[in-house]
Amino acid sequence: MAADHAHAHALGHAPADKKPISQGVLAMVLFLGSEAMLFASLFTAYFMVRYNVAQNHWPPLNSSGEPFELPKVGTGVNTAFLVFSSFTVWWAEHRLKHGDRKGLERGLLVTMLLGLTFLVIQINEYVHLGFTPQDQAFGSTFYTLTGFHGLHVFVGLVLLLICYLRVKRARDFTPTFSTPLVAASLYWHFVDVVWVALYILVYLV
């Protein structure tokens, strides 16, 4: 075996036990690259509004002369739910690598519940914010950023649900075949990272 590995390295090839990246995972990585640029453009638009329109007062004043208020603490708790869901989806992948199908199911289920909780809290926040997308540039940029991210969370939940159903019914995920799960997990981690950046830049800074 050692001779085979040495021969492979001598020929410039990777060892046989080192799996190449699947086309599905590579496609997801490329897609997330385009999504990252899209979110970057949205953040750029937000800061243009913030520094060119609002000038020195941020958040700007609403029609009543009061500054727009964002629920920093409540959204911080909601952020914690989403961040924790990254660990649960990682744990689900980890259990699959060890052949623990029940652990995989539990990890996916907890991740979906955390993601759904995030969306419910986000919608509840919209209901009680006290301003709409039509309220100045602040309202439109805030709802565009958070709403677009919420849409991505929903898509991520759909991807995770598909994986969960495949595990429950088809049972076609194995330690050697997990491309759909890995792709969905990458998407979910991306959604989480974007939200952390959004929470810091929009709610805290």
N, C-alpha and C. Protein backbone atom coordinates (compact mmCIF):
# COMPACT_ATOMS: atom_id res chain seq x y z
N MET A 1 0.83 -1.21 0.00
CA MET A 1 0.00 0.00 0.00
C MET A 1 0.86 1.26 0.00
N ALA A 2 1.92 1.25 0.83
CA ALA A 2 2.81 2.40 0.88
C ALA A 2 3.47 2.63 -0.47
N ALA A 3 3.82 1.52 -1.13
CA ALA A 3 4.45 1.63 -2.44
C ALA A 3 3.49 2.24 -3.45
N ASP A 4 2.17 1.86 -3.35
CA ASP A 4 1.17 2.42 -4.25
C ASP A 4 1.05 3.92 -4.06
N HIS A 5 1.02 4.36 -2.80
CA HIS A 5 0.91 5.79 -2.52
C HIS A 5 2.13 6.53 -3.05
N ALA A 6 3.31 5.95 -2.83
CA ALA A 6 4.53 6.59 -3.30
C ALA A 6 4.54 6.67 -4.82
N HIS A 7 4.05 5.60 -5.46
CA HIS A 7 3.99 5.59 -6.93
C HIS A 7 3.03 6.65 -7.44
N ALA A 8 1.88 6.80 -6.72
CA ALA A 8 0.89 7.80 -7.14
C ALA A 8 1.47 9.19 -7.03
N HIS A 9 2.19 9.46 -5.93
CA HIS A 9 2.79 10.79 -5.78
C HIS A 9 3.88 11.01 -6.82
N ALA A 10 4.62 9.96 -7.13
CA ALA A 10 5.68 10.09 -8.12
C ALA A 10 5.12 10.44 -9.48
N LEU A 11 3.94 9.95 -9.78
CA LEU A 11 3.30 10.23 -11.07
C LEU A 11 2.52 11.53 -11.05
N GLY A 12 2.44 12.18 -9.87
CA GLY A 12 1.73 13.45 -9.78
C GLY A 12 0.25 13.29 -9.60
N HIS A 13 -0.20 12.10 -9.17
CA HIS A 13 -1.62 11.86 -8.96
C HIS A 13 -1.93 11.86 -7.48
N ALA A 14 -3.21 12.17 -7.14
CA ALA A 14 -3.64 12.12 -5.75
C ALA A 14 -3.82 10.67 -5.35
N PRO A 15 -3.66 10.36 -4.07
CA PRO A 15 -3.91 9.00 -3.59
C PRO A 15 -5.33 8.57 -3.89
N ALA A 16 -5.52 7.25 -4.02
CA ALA A 16 -6.82 6.73 -4.42
C ALA A 16 -7.89 7.01 -3.39
N ASP A 17 -7.50 7.15 -2.08
CA ASP A 17 -8.51 7.35 -1.04
C ASP A 17 -8.91 8.80 -0.89
N LYS A 18 -8.37 9.68 -1.70
CA LYS A 18 -8.71 11.10 -1.65
C LYS A 18 -9.73 11.40 -2.74
N LYS A 19 -10.99 11.60 -2.32
CA LYS A 19 -12.07 11.75 -3.30
C LYS A 19 -12.04 13.15 -3.92
N PRO A 20 -12.24 13.24 -5.24
CA PRO A 20 -12.34 14.55 -5.88
C PRO A 20 -13.66 15.22 -5.53
N ILE A 21 -13.71 16.53 -5.68
CA ILE A 21 -14.95 17.27 -5.43
C ILE A 21 -15.97 16.90 -6.50
N SER A 22 -17.17 16.55 -6.08
CA SER A 22 -18.21 16.16 -7.04
C SER A 22 -18.68 17.36 -7.83
N GLN A 23 -19.25 17.10 -9.00
CA GLN A 23 -19.74 18.18 -9.85
C GLN A 23 -20.87 18.95 -9.17
N GLY A 24 -21.72 18.24 -8.41
CA GLY A 24 -22.82 18.91 -7.72
C GLY A 24 -22.32 19.90 -6.69
N VAL A 25 -21.32 19.50 -5.91
CA VAL A 25 -20.76 20.40 -4.89
C VAL A 25 -20.05 21.57 -5.56
N LEU A 26 -19.31 21.30 -6.63
CA LEU A 26 -18.61 22.37 -7.35
C LEU A 26 -19.61 23.37 -7.92
N ALA A 27 -20.72 22.86 -8.45
CA ALA A 27 -21.75 23.75 -8.99
C ALA A 27 -22.33 24.64 -7.89
N MET A 28 -22.53 24.07 -6.70
CA MET A 28 -23.04 24.86 -5.59
C MET A 28 -22.04 25.93 -5.17
N VAL A 29 -20.76 25.59 -5.15
CA VAL A 29 -19.74 26.57 -4.79
C VAL A 29 -19.74 27.74 -5.77
N LEU A 30 -19.83 27.43 -7.07
CA LEU A 30 -19.87 28.49 -8.08
C LEU A 30 -21.14 29.33 -7.94
N PHE A 31 -22.26 28.68 -7.66
CA PHE A 31 -23.51 29.41 -7.46
C PHE A 31 -23.41 30.34 -6.26
N LEU A 32 -22.83 29.85 -5.18
CA LEU A 32 -22.70 30.68 -3.98
C LEU A 32 -21.76 31.86 -4.22
N GLY A 33 -20.79 31.67 -5.11
CA GLY A 33 -19.93 32.79 -5.48
C GLY A 33 -20.72 33.91 -6.13
N SER A 34 -21.65 33.53 -7.02
CA SER A 34 -22.50 34.54 -7.66
C SER A 34 -23.45 35.18 -6.65
N GLU A 35 -23.95 34.38 -5.70
CA GLU A 35 -24.83 34.91 -4.67
C GLU A 35 -24.07 35.88 -3.75
N ALA A 36 -22.82 35.57 -3.48
CA ALA A 36 -22.01 36.47 -2.65
C ALA A 36 -21.86 37.83 -3.32
N MET A 37 -21.66 37.84 -4.63
CA MET A 37 -21.55 39.10 -5.35
C MET A 37 -22.87 39.86 -5.33
N LEU A 38 -23.98 39.13 -5.40
CA LEU A 38 -25.29 39.77 -5.35
C LEU A 38 -25.52 40.43 -4.00
N PHE A 39 -25.21 39.72 -2.93
CA PHE A 39 -25.37 40.31 -1.60
C PHE A 39 -24.40 41.47 -1.41
N ALA A 40 -23.21 41.37 -1.98
CA ALA A 40 -22.25 42.46 -1.88
C ALA A 40 -22.80 43.72 -2.52
N SER A 41 -23.50 43.57 -3.65
CA SER A 41 -24.10 44.73 -4.30
C SER A 41 -25.23 45.32 -3.46
N LEU A 42 -25.98 44.46 -2.77
CA LEU A 42 -27.05 44.96 -1.90
C LEU A 42 -26.47 45.70 -0.70
N PHE A 43 -25.41 45.18 -0.13
CA PHE A 43 -24.75 45.87 0.98
C PHE A 43 -24.18 47.21 0.52
N THR A 44 -23.64 47.23 -0.69
CA THR A 44 -23.11 48.48 -1.24
C THR A 44 -24.21 49.52 -1.38
N ALA A 45 -25.36 49.10 -1.90
CA ALA A 45 -26.50 50.01 -2.03
C ALA A 45 -26.95 50.52 -0.67
N TYR A 46 -26.94 49.64 0.32
CA TYR A 46 -27.34 50.03 1.68
C TYR A 46 -26.42 51.12 2.22
N PHE A 47 -25.11 50.93 2.06
CA PHE A 47 -24.17 51.91 2.60
C PHE A 47 -24.18 53.21 1.80
N MET A 48 -24.50 53.13 0.52
CA MET A 48 -24.65 54.37 -0.26
C MET A 48 -25.82 55.18 0.28
N VAL A 49 -26.92 54.51 0.59
CA VAL A 49 -28.06 55.20 1.18
C VAL A 49 -27.68 55.74 2.55
N ARG A 50 -26.99 54.94 3.30
CA ARG A 50 -26.65 55.32 4.68
C ARG A 50 -25.75 56.56 4.74
N TYR A 51 -24.76 56.61 3.89
CA TYR A 51 -23.78 57.69 3.99
C TYR A 51 -24.05 58.87 3.05
N ASN A 52 -24.83 58.66 2.02
CA ASN A 52 -25.11 59.75 1.09
C ASN A 52 -26.47 60.39 1.31
N VAL A 53 -27.45 59.58 1.72
CA VAL A 53 -28.80 60.10 1.91
C VAL A 53 -29.03 60.52 3.35
N ALA A 54 -28.71 59.62 4.28
CA ALA A 54 -28.98 59.90 5.69
C ALA A 54 -27.95 60.83 6.30
N GLN A 55 -26.80 60.96 5.69
CA GLN A 55 -25.72 61.82 6.16
C GLN A 55 -25.32 61.45 7.59
N ASN A 56 -25.44 62.39 8.54
CA ASN A 56 -24.91 62.14 9.89
C ASN A 56 -25.89 61.47 10.83
N HIS A 57 -27.13 61.31 10.45
CA HIS A 57 -28.13 60.77 11.37
C HIS A 57 -28.59 59.40 10.88
N TRP A 58 -28.23 58.37 11.63
CA TRP A 58 -28.63 57.01 11.25
C TRP A 58 -28.97 56.20 12.48
N PRO A 59 -30.11 55.53 12.53
CA PRO A 59 -31.16 55.51 11.51
C PRO A 59 -31.81 56.88 11.33
N PRO A 60 -32.33 57.18 10.16
CA PRO A 60 -32.95 58.48 9.92
C PRO A 60 -34.25 58.61 10.70
N LEU A 61 -34.81 59.82 10.66
CA LEU A 61 -36.06 60.08 11.37
C LEU A 61 -37.25 59.68 10.51
N ASN A 62 -38.27 59.12 11.16
CA ASN A 62 -39.50 58.76 10.45
C ASN A 62 -40.41 59.97 10.33
N SER A 63 -41.62 59.76 9.85
CA SER A 63 -42.56 60.87 9.64
C SER A 63 -42.96 61.55 10.93
N SER A 64 -42.81 60.87 12.06
CA SER A 64 -43.15 61.45 13.36
C SER A 64 -41.97 62.17 14.00
N GLY A 65 -40.85 62.20 13.32
CA GLY A 65 -39.68 62.88 13.86
C GLY A 65 -38.86 62.02 14.80
N GLU A 66 -39.18 60.74 14.88
CA GLU A 66 -38.44 59.81 15.73
C GLU A 66 -37.56 58.90 14.86
N PRO A 67 -36.39 58.50 15.37
CA PRO A 67 -35.54 57.59 14.58
C PRO A 67 -36.15 56.21 14.45
N PHE A 68 -35.94 55.59 13.30
CA PHE A 68 -36.39 54.21 13.13
C PHE A 68 -35.68 53.33 14.16
N GLU A 69 -36.42 52.45 14.79
CA GLU A 69 -35.84 51.59 15.82
C GLU A 69 -35.86 50.13 15.35
N LEU A 70 -34.74 49.46 15.57
CA LEU A 70 -34.62 48.04 15.22
C LEU A 70 -34.44 47.23 16.50
N PRO A 71 -35.08 46.07 16.59
CA PRO A 71 -34.99 45.23 17.79
C PRO A 71 -33.66 44.48 17.86
N LYS A 72 -32.64 45.15 18.36
CA LYS A 72 -31.29 44.56 18.36
C LYS A 72 -31.20 43.30 19.21
N VAL A 73 -31.80 43.34 20.41
CA VAL A 73 -31.68 42.20 21.32
C VAL A 73 -32.45 40.99 20.78
N GLY A 74 -33.71 41.22 20.40
CA GLY A 74 -34.53 40.13 19.88
C GLY A 74 -33.93 39.51 18.63
N THR A 75 -33.41 40.37 17.75
CA THR A 75 -32.79 39.85 16.53
C THR A 75 -31.47 39.17 16.85
N GLY A 76 -30.81 39.61 17.92
CA GLY A 76 -29.59 38.93 18.34
C GLY A 76 -29.87 37.50 18.77
N VAL A 77 -30.98 37.31 19.50
CA VAL A 77 -31.38 35.96 19.90
C VAL A 77 -31.71 35.13 18.66
N ASN A 78 -32.42 35.76 17.72
CA ASN A 78 -32.76 35.06 16.48
C ASN A 78 -31.51 34.68 15.70
N THR A 79 -30.52 35.57 15.72
CA THR A 79 -29.24 35.28 15.07
C THR A 79 -28.58 34.06 15.69
N ALA A 80 -28.68 33.95 17.01
CA ALA A 80 -28.09 32.79 17.71
C ALA A 80 -28.74 31.49 17.24
N PHE A 81 -30.05 31.52 17.01
CA PHE A 81 -30.73 30.32 16.50
C PHE A 81 -30.14 29.90 15.16
N LEU A 82 -29.94 30.89 14.28
CA LEU A 82 -29.44 30.57 12.94
C LEU A 82 -27.99 30.08 13.00
N VAL A 83 -27.18 30.73 13.83
CA VAL A 83 -25.78 30.31 13.96
C VAL A 83 -25.71 28.88 14.50
N PHE A 84 -26.54 28.57 15.49
CA PHE A 84 -26.54 27.22 16.06
C PHE A 84 -26.95 26.19 15.01
N SER A 85 -27.82 26.59 14.07
CA SER A 85 -28.26 25.66 13.04
C SER A 85 -27.10 25.25 12.12
N SER A 86 -26.07 26.09 12.02
CA SER A 86 -24.89 25.70 11.25
C SER A 86 -24.18 24.53 11.92
N PHE A 87 -24.16 24.54 13.24
CA PHE A 87 -23.52 23.44 13.97
C PHE A 87 -24.35 22.15 13.86
N THR A 88 -25.67 22.28 13.86
CA THR A 88 -26.50 21.08 13.78
C THR A 88 -26.43 20.44 12.40
N VAL A 89 -26.35 21.25 11.34
CA VAL A 89 -26.25 20.66 10.00
C VAL A 89 -24.86 20.05 9.81
N TRP A 90 -23.84 20.67 10.41
CA TRP A 90 -22.50 20.05 10.37
C TRP A 90 -22.52 18.72 11.12
N TRP A 91 -23.20 18.70 12.26
CA TRP A 91 -23.28 17.47 13.04
C TRP A 91 -23.99 16.37 12.26
N ALA A 92 -25.03 16.76 11.50
CA ALA A 92 -25.75 15.79 10.67
C ALA A 92 -24.80 15.16 9.65
N GLU A 93 -24.00 15.99 8.98
CA GLU A 93 -23.02 15.46 8.03
C GLU A 93 -22.02 14.54 8.73
N HIS A 94 -21.59 14.95 9.90
CA HIS A 94 -20.62 14.17 10.67
C HIS A 94 -21.17 12.79 11.02
N ARG A 95 -22.46 12.75 11.39
CA ARG A 95 -23.06 11.46 11.74
C ARG A 95 -23.17 10.55 10.52
N LEU A 96 -23.44 11.13 9.35
CA LEU A 96 -23.52 10.31 8.14
C LEU A 96 -22.17 9.66 7.85
N LYS A 97 -21.09 10.41 8.04
CA LYS A 97 -19.76 9.86 7.78
C LYS A 97 -19.46 8.66 8.67
N HIS A 98 -20.15 8.60 9.82
CA HIS A 98 -19.96 7.48 10.74
C HIS A 98 -21.06 6.43 10.59
N GLY A 99 -21.88 6.57 9.54
CA GLY A 99 -22.93 5.59 9.28
C GLY A 99 -24.11 5.67 10.23
N ASP A 100 -24.25 6.79 10.94
CA ASP A 100 -25.34 6.97 11.91
C ASP A 100 -26.51 7.66 11.22
N ARG A 101 -27.40 6.87 10.61
CA ARG A 101 -28.51 7.45 9.86
C ARG A 101 -29.50 8.17 10.77
N LYS A 102 -29.74 7.63 11.95
CA LYS A 102 -30.65 8.28 12.90
C LYS A 102 -30.10 9.64 13.34
N GLY A 103 -28.80 9.68 13.57
CA GLY A 103 -28.17 10.95 13.92
C GLY A 103 -28.29 11.96 12.80
N LEU A 104 -28.14 11.49 11.56
CA LEU A 104 -28.32 12.36 10.40
C LEU A 104 -29.73 12.92 10.36
N GLU A 105 -30.72 12.06 10.57
CA GLU A 105 -32.12 12.51 10.56
C GLU A 105 -32.36 13.55 11.64
N ARG A 106 -31.88 13.28 12.84
CA ARG A 106 -32.09 14.22 13.95
C ARG A 106 -31.41 15.56 13.68
N GLY A 107 -30.19 15.49 13.14
CA GLY A 107 -29.48 16.73 12.84
C GLY A 107 -30.20 17.58 11.82
N LEU A 108 -30.71 16.95 10.76
CA LEU A 108 -31.45 17.70 9.74
C LEU A 108 -32.74 18.26 10.30
N LEU A 109 -33.43 17.47 11.11
CA LEU A 109 -34.70 17.91 11.68
C LEU A 109 -34.50 19.11 12.60
N VAL A 110 -33.51 19.05 13.46
CA VAL A 110 -33.24 20.18 14.37
C VAL A 110 -32.83 21.42 13.57
N THR A 111 -32.03 21.23 12.53
CA THR A 111 -31.63 22.36 11.68
C THR A 111 -32.84 23.03 11.05
N MET A 112 -33.76 22.22 10.52
CA MET A 112 -34.96 22.79 9.90
C MET A 112 -35.83 23.51 10.91
N LEU A 113 -35.94 22.96 12.11
CA LEU A 113 -36.74 23.61 13.15
C LEU A 113 -36.13 24.96 13.55
N LEU A 114 -34.82 25.00 13.65
CA LEU A 114 -34.15 26.27 13.97
C LEU A 114 -34.33 27.28 12.84
N GLY A 115 -34.21 26.83 11.59
CA GLY A 115 -34.40 27.73 10.46
C GLY A 115 -35.82 28.24 10.39
N LEU A 116 -36.79 27.37 10.65
CA LEU A 116 -38.20 27.78 10.64
C LEU A 116 -38.47 28.77 11.77
N THR A 117 -37.88 28.53 12.93
CA THR A 117 -38.02 29.46 14.05
C THR A 117 -37.47 30.83 13.68
N PHE A 118 -36.34 30.85 13.00
CA PHE A 118 -35.75 32.11 12.55
C PHE A 118 -36.72 32.87 11.66
N LEU A 119 -37.32 32.17 10.69
CA LEU A 119 -38.25 32.84 9.77
C LEU A 119 -39.48 33.37 10.50
N VAL A 120 -40.03 32.58 11.42
CA VAL A 120 -41.22 33.01 12.16
C VAL A 120 -40.91 34.27 12.97
N ILE A 121 -39.77 34.29 13.64
CA ILE A 121 -39.39 35.47 14.42
C ILE A 121 -39.16 36.66 13.50
N GLN A 122 -38.57 36.43 12.34
CA GLN A 122 -38.32 37.51 11.39
C GLN A 122 -39.64 38.10 10.89
N ILE A 123 -40.60 37.25 10.58
CA ILE A 123 -41.90 37.74 10.13
C ILE A 123 -42.59 38.51 11.25
N ASN A 124 -42.50 38.00 12.47
CA ASN A 124 -43.08 38.71 13.61
C ASN A 124 -42.42 40.08 13.80
N GLU A 125 -41.13 40.15 13.53
CA GLU A 125 -40.43 41.43 13.60
C GLU A 125 -40.99 42.41 12.58
N TYR A 126 -41.22 41.93 11.36
CA TYR A 126 -41.79 42.80 10.34
C TYR A 126 -43.13 43.38 10.79
N VAL A 127 -43.94 42.53 11.42
CA VAL A 127 -45.28 42.96 11.84
C VAL A 127 -45.21 44.08 12.86
N HIS A 128 -44.20 44.05 13.73
CA HIS A 128 -44.14 44.99 14.84
C HIS A 128 -43.09 46.09 14.67
N LEU A 129 -42.46 46.18 13.52
CA LEU A 129 -41.42 47.18 13.33
C LEU A 129 -41.96 48.61 13.38
N GLY A 130 -43.10 48.82 12.79
CA GLY A 130 -43.65 50.17 12.78
C GLY A 130 -43.29 50.97 11.56
N PHE A 131 -42.59 50.37 10.60
CA PHE A 131 -42.35 51.05 9.33
C PHE A 131 -42.39 50.03 8.20
N THR A 132 -42.58 50.50 6.99
CA THR A 132 -42.78 49.64 5.82
C THR A 132 -41.69 49.91 4.77
N PRO A 133 -41.65 49.11 3.70
CA PRO A 133 -40.67 49.37 2.64
C PRO A 133 -40.87 50.73 1.97
N GLN A 134 -42.06 51.30 2.12
CA GLN A 134 -42.33 52.60 1.50
C GLN A 134 -41.86 53.77 2.35
N ASP A 135 -41.39 53.50 3.56
CA ASP A 135 -40.95 54.57 4.46
C ASP A 135 -39.50 54.94 4.20
N GLN A 136 -39.32 55.89 3.30
CA GLN A 136 -38.01 56.43 2.97
C GLN A 136 -37.06 55.36 2.42
N ALA A 137 -35.85 55.81 2.12
CA ALA A 137 -34.85 54.89 1.57
C ALA A 137 -34.42 53.87 2.61
N PHE A 138 -34.47 54.25 3.89
CA PHE A 138 -34.09 53.31 4.95
C PHE A 138 -35.01 52.10 4.94
N GLY A 139 -36.31 52.34 4.88
CA GLY A 139 -37.27 51.24 4.88
C GLY A 139 -37.09 50.32 3.69
N SER A 140 -36.88 50.90 2.51
CA SER A 140 -36.76 50.08 1.30
C SER A 140 -35.48 49.24 1.32
N THR A 141 -34.36 49.84 1.74
CA THR A 141 -33.11 49.08 1.77
C THR A 141 -33.13 48.02 2.88
N PHE A 142 -33.73 48.35 4.02
CA PHE A 142 -33.80 47.38 5.12
C PHE A 142 -34.62 46.16 4.71
N TYR A 143 -35.79 46.39 4.16
CA TYR A 143 -36.65 45.27 3.78
C TYR A 143 -36.08 44.49 2.61
N THR A 144 -35.39 45.17 1.70
CA THR A 144 -34.78 44.46 0.58
C THR A 144 -33.70 43.50 1.06
N LEU A 145 -32.83 43.99 1.93
CA LEU A 145 -31.75 43.14 2.46
C LEU A 145 -32.28 41.97 3.27
N THR A 146 -33.11 42.28 4.27
CA THR A 146 -33.59 41.22 5.16
C THR A 146 -34.57 40.30 4.46
N GLY A 147 -35.40 40.86 3.58
CA GLY A 147 -36.36 40.03 2.86
C GLY A 147 -35.68 39.09 1.87
N PHE A 148 -34.66 39.60 1.19
CA PHE A 148 -33.94 38.76 0.24
C PHE A 148 -33.22 37.64 0.97
N HIS A 149 -32.68 37.97 2.13
CA HIS A 149 -32.03 36.93 2.93
C HIS A 149 -33.06 35.91 3.42
N GLY A 150 -34.22 36.40 3.86
CA GLY A 150 -35.28 35.48 4.30
C GLY A 150 -35.69 34.52 3.21
N LEU A 151 -35.72 35.00 1.97
CA LEU A 151 -36.02 34.13 0.84
C LEU A 151 -34.97 33.03 0.71
N HIS A 152 -33.72 33.38 0.94
CA HIS A 152 -32.65 32.38 0.88
C HIS A 152 -32.78 31.35 2.00
N VAL A 153 -33.22 31.80 3.17
CA VAL A 153 -33.44 30.86 4.27
C VAL A 153 -34.54 29.87 3.88
N PHE A 154 -35.60 30.37 3.27
CA PHE A 154 -36.70 29.51 2.84
C PHE A 154 -36.20 28.47 1.82
N VAL A 155 -35.41 28.93 0.85
CA VAL A 155 -34.86 28.00 -0.15
C VAL A 155 -33.98 26.96 0.54
N GLY A 156 -33.18 27.40 1.51
CA GLY A 156 -32.34 26.47 2.25
C GLY A 156 -33.15 25.43 2.99
N LEU A 157 -34.28 25.85 3.56
CA LEU A 157 -35.16 24.90 4.25
C LEU A 157 -35.72 23.87 3.28
N VAL A 158 -36.06 24.30 2.08
CA VAL A 158 -36.57 23.37 1.07
C VAL A 158 -35.49 22.34 0.71
N LEU A 159 -34.26 22.80 0.53
CA LEU A 159 -33.17 21.88 0.21
C LEU A 159 -32.94 20.87 1.33
N LEU A 160 -32.97 21.36 2.57
CA LEU A 160 -32.78 20.46 3.71
C LEU A 160 -33.94 19.47 3.84
N LEU A 161 -35.16 19.94 3.54
CA LEU A 161 -36.32 19.06 3.60
C LEU A 161 -36.21 17.94 2.56
N ILE A 162 -35.74 18.29 1.37
CA ILE A 162 -35.55 17.27 0.33
C ILE A 162 -34.54 16.23 0.81
N CYS A 163 -33.45 16.69 1.40
CA CYS A 163 -32.45 15.75 1.93
C CYS A 163 -33.06 14.89 3.03
N TYR A 164 -33.84 15.49 3.90
CA TYR A 164 -34.45 14.75 5.01
C TYR A 164 -35.38 13.66 4.48
N LEU A 165 -36.19 14.01 3.48
CA LEU A 165 -37.12 13.03 2.91
C LEU A 165 -36.37 11.91 2.20
N ARG A 166 -35.26 12.24 1.56
CA ARG A 166 -34.46 11.20 0.91
C ARG A 166 -33.86 10.25 1.94
N VAL A 167 -33.46 10.80 3.07
CA VAL A 167 -32.91 9.95 4.13
C VAL A 167 -33.99 9.04 4.70
N LYS A 168 -35.20 9.59 4.89
CA LYS A 168 -36.29 8.84 5.50
C LYS A 168 -36.86 7.78 4.57
N ARG A 169 -36.98 8.11 3.28
CA ARG A 169 -37.68 7.24 2.35
C ARG A 169 -36.74 6.45 1.45
N ALA A 170 -35.91 7.16 0.72
CA ALA A 170 -35.04 6.48 -0.25
C ALA A 170 -33.82 5.85 0.41
N ARG A 171 -33.36 6.46 1.50
CA ARG A 171 -32.18 5.97 2.21
C ARG A 171 -30.98 5.80 1.26
N ASP A 172 -30.80 6.80 0.40
CA ASP A 172 -29.74 6.68 -0.60
C ASP A 172 -28.47 7.44 -0.22
N PHE A 173 -28.44 8.07 0.95
CA PHE A 173 -27.21 8.72 1.39
C PHE A 173 -26.33 7.72 2.14
N THR A 174 -25.07 7.68 1.79
CA THR A 174 -24.12 6.80 2.45
C THR A 174 -22.86 7.60 2.75
N PRO A 175 -21.96 7.06 3.57
CA PRO A 175 -20.70 7.77 3.82
C PRO A 175 -19.90 8.07 2.56
N THR A 176 -20.15 7.32 1.48
CA THR A 176 -19.43 7.55 0.23
C THR A 176 -20.25 8.33 -0.80
N PHE A 177 -21.54 8.53 -0.55
CA PHE A 177 -22.36 9.34 -1.45
C PHE A 177 -23.22 10.29 -0.62
N SER A 178 -22.86 11.56 -0.66
CA SER A 178 -23.60 12.56 0.11
C SER A 178 -23.62 13.91 -0.58
N THR A 179 -23.47 13.91 -1.91
CA THR A 179 -23.37 15.16 -2.66
C THR A 179 -24.53 16.11 -2.41
N PRO A 180 -25.81 15.66 -2.50
CA PRO A 180 -26.91 16.59 -2.24
C PRO A 180 -26.87 17.18 -0.83
N LEU A 181 -26.51 16.36 0.14
CA LEU A 181 -26.44 16.83 1.52
C LEU A 181 -25.32 17.85 1.69
N VAL A 182 -24.17 17.58 1.12
CA VAL A 182 -23.04 18.52 1.23
C VAL A 182 -23.38 19.84 0.55
N ALA A 183 -24.03 19.77 -0.62
CA ALA A 183 -24.41 20.99 -1.33
C ALA A 183 -25.41 21.81 -0.52
N ALA A 184 -26.42 21.14 0.05
CA ALA A 184 -27.41 21.83 0.88
C ALA A 184 -26.76 22.42 2.12
N SER A 185 -25.82 21.70 2.69
CA SER A 185 -25.12 22.19 3.88
C SER A 185 -24.29 23.43 3.56
N LEU A 186 -23.60 23.42 2.43
CA LEU A 186 -22.84 24.60 2.02
C LEU A 186 -23.74 25.81 1.85
N TYR A 187 -24.88 25.59 1.23
CA TYR A 187 -25.85 26.68 1.04
C TYR A 187 -26.29 27.23 2.39
N TRP A 188 -26.57 26.31 3.33
CA TRP A 188 -27.05 26.74 4.65
C TRP A 188 -25.98 27.53 5.41
N HIS A 189 -24.74 27.08 5.34
CA HIS A 189 -23.65 27.82 5.99
C HIS A 189 -23.51 29.21 5.38
N PHE A 190 -23.66 29.30 4.06
CA PHE A 190 -23.57 30.59 3.39
C PHE A 190 -24.66 31.53 3.88
N VAL A 191 -25.88 31.03 3.98
CA VAL A 191 -27.01 31.84 4.46
C VAL A 191 -26.73 32.34 5.87
N ASP A 192 -26.16 31.49 6.70
CA ASP A 192 -25.85 31.89 8.08
C ASP A 192 -24.79 32.98 8.13
N VAL A 193 -23.74 32.82 7.35
CA VAL A 193 -22.66 33.82 7.33
C VAL A 193 -23.18 35.17 6.85
N VAL A 194 -23.99 35.16 5.81
CA VAL A 194 -24.55 36.41 5.30
C VAL A 194 -25.39 37.09 6.37
N TRP A 195 -26.18 36.30 7.10
CA TRP A 195 -27.03 36.92 8.13
C TRP A 195 -26.20 37.54 9.24
N VAL A 196 -25.14 36.87 9.67
CA VAL A 196 -24.29 37.44 10.72
C VAL A 196 -23.73 38.78 10.27
N ALA A 197 -23.27 38.85 9.01
CA ALA A 197 -22.77 40.12 8.48
C ALA A 197 -23.88 41.15 8.43
N LEU A 198 -25.06 40.73 8.01
CA LEU A 198 -26.20 41.64 7.92
C LEU A 198 -26.59 42.17 9.30
N TYR A 199 -26.63 41.29 10.27
CA TYR A 199 -27.01 41.71 11.63
C TYR A 199 -26.01 42.73 12.19
N ILE A 200 -24.74 42.47 11.99
CA ILE A 200 -23.72 43.40 12.51
C ILE A 200 -23.79 44.75 11.81
N LEU A 201 -23.86 44.73 10.48
CA LEU A 201 -23.79 45.96 9.70
C LEU A 201 -25.08 46.78 9.74
N VAL A 202 -26.23 46.11 9.80
CA VAL A 202 -27.50 46.83 9.74
C VAL A 202 -28.07 47.11 11.13
N TYR A 203 -28.00 46.14 12.02
CA TYR A 203 -28.62 46.30 13.33
C TYR A 203 -27.69 46.93 14.37
N LEU A 204 -26.40 46.65 14.28
CA LEU A 204 -25.49 47.06 15.36
C LEU A 204 -24.63 48.27 15.03
N VAL A 205 -24.12 48.34 13.81
CA VAL A 205 -23.18 49.42 13.47
C VAL A 205 -23.91 50.73 13.23
